[in-house]
Protein backbone atom coordinates (compact mmCIF):
# COMPACT_ATOMS: atom_id res chain seq x y z
CA UNK A 1 127.77 55.02 100.33
CA UNK A 2 129.79 52.66 101.99
CA UNK A 3 132.05 52.65 104.97
CA UNK A 4 135.18 52.92 103.40
CA UNK A 5 133.75 56.21 101.48
CA UNK A 6 133.74 57.91 104.56
CA UNK A 7 137.21 59.31 105.75
CA UNK A 8 138.70 58.68 109.39
CA UNK A 9 138.64 62.67 109.64
CA UNK A 10 134.98 62.74 108.47
CA UNK A 11 134.48 59.78 111.68
CA UNK A 12 136.59 62.11 114.14
CA UNK A 13 134.47 65.10 112.99
CA UNK A 14 131.18 63.40 113.69
CA UNK A 15 132.22 61.79 116.66
CA UNK A 16 133.16 65.23 118.26
CA UNK A 17 129.87 66.13 116.88
CA UNK A 18 128.09 63.59 119.08
CA UNK A 19 129.85 64.49 121.81
CA UNK A 20 128.93 68.17 121.69
CA UNK A 21 125.13 66.92 121.11
CA UNK A 22 125.10 65.00 124.38
CA UNK A 23 126.40 68.11 126.14
CA UNK A 24 124.09 70.27 124.57
CA UNK A 25 120.96 67.84 125.26
CA UNK A 26 121.93 67.84 128.90
CA UNK A 27 121.92 71.60 128.93
CA UNK A 28 118.92 72.68 126.69
CA UNK A 29 115.30 71.78 126.16
CA UNK A 30 113.67 71.03 122.47
CA UNK A 31 113.03 74.09 120.69
CA UNK A 32 109.37 74.35 119.91
CA UNK A 33 109.32 75.65 116.54
CA UNK A 34 110.49 75.55 113.14
CA UNK A 35 111.31 79.25 113.30
CA UNK A 36 113.06 78.75 116.77
CA UNK A 37 115.54 75.93 115.44
CA UNK A 38 116.20 78.16 112.59
CA UNK A 39 117.00 81.18 114.69
CA UNK A 40 119.48 78.97 116.64
CA UNK A 41 121.16 77.52 113.88
CA UNK A 42 121.47 80.89 112.41
CA UNK A 43 123.10 81.91 115.57
CA UNK A 44 125.87 79.51 114.96
CA UNK A 45 126.39 80.16 111.84
CA UNK A 46 126.97 83.43 112.32
CA UNK A 47 129.33 82.57 115.24
CA UNK A 48 131.19 80.66 112.32
CA UNK A 49 131.41 83.19 110.07
CA UNK A 50 133.03 85.76 112.89
CA UNK A 51 135.82 82.71 113.38
CA UNK A 52 136.39 82.50 109.21
CA UNK A 53 136.47 86.25 109.10
CA UNK A 54 139.18 86.29 111.68
CA UNK A 55 140.96 83.00 110.12
CA UNK A 56 141.08 81.13 113.67
CA UNK A 57 140.99 77.33 112.48
CA UNK A 58 140.41 75.73 115.87
CA UNK A 59 137.73 78.08 116.79
CA UNK A 60 135.91 77.80 113.21
CA UNK A 61 136.22 74.10 113.96
CA UNK A 62 134.46 74.44 117.08
CA UNK A 63 131.53 76.69 115.81
CA UNK A 64 131.30 74.48 112.60
CA UNK A 65 130.77 71.62 115.16
CA UNK A 66 127.76 73.87 116.79
CA UNK A 67 126.35 74.53 113.76
CA UNK A 68 125.96 70.55 113.12
CA UNK A 69 125.12 70.14 116.58
CA UNK A 70 121.84 72.62 116.24
CA UNK A 71 121.07 71.03 113.16
CA UNK A 72 121.03 67.75 114.31
CA UNK A 73 119.22 68.89 117.36
CA UNK A 74 116.58 70.55 115.11
CA UNK A 75 116.27 67.32 113.13
CA UNK A 76 115.91 65.35 116.30
CA UNK A 77 112.99 67.67 117.98
CA UNK A 78 111.27 67.48 114.71
CA UNK A 79 111.58 63.55 114.61
CA UNK A 80 110.30 63.17 118.35
CA UNK A 81 107.42 65.80 118.01
CA UNK A 82 108.98 68.19 120.28
CA UNK A 83 108.58 70.94 117.01
CA UNK A 84 105.54 72.49 116.37
CA UNK A 85 104.99 74.26 113.02
CA UNK A 86 103.50 77.57 115.10
CA UNK A 87 102.80 80.31 112.45
């Protein structure tokens, strides 16, 4: 994939997610297990679903950003070694 295949709107969405990720990292510690990471993502997905059912576009956009933030956060926590595969 080259840069031309990524639309300006997608770039704007990614930029918004990066801002939110920075804020989230400052406010919350890393997750410590895959299960905890999944639970955080699931909570954000449920909040997104609420906004989708209510047909609230702006709020759904914000919740979709939070889903992305929590997923990227989990990826970073895995790469940093913060996540332990606890059973």
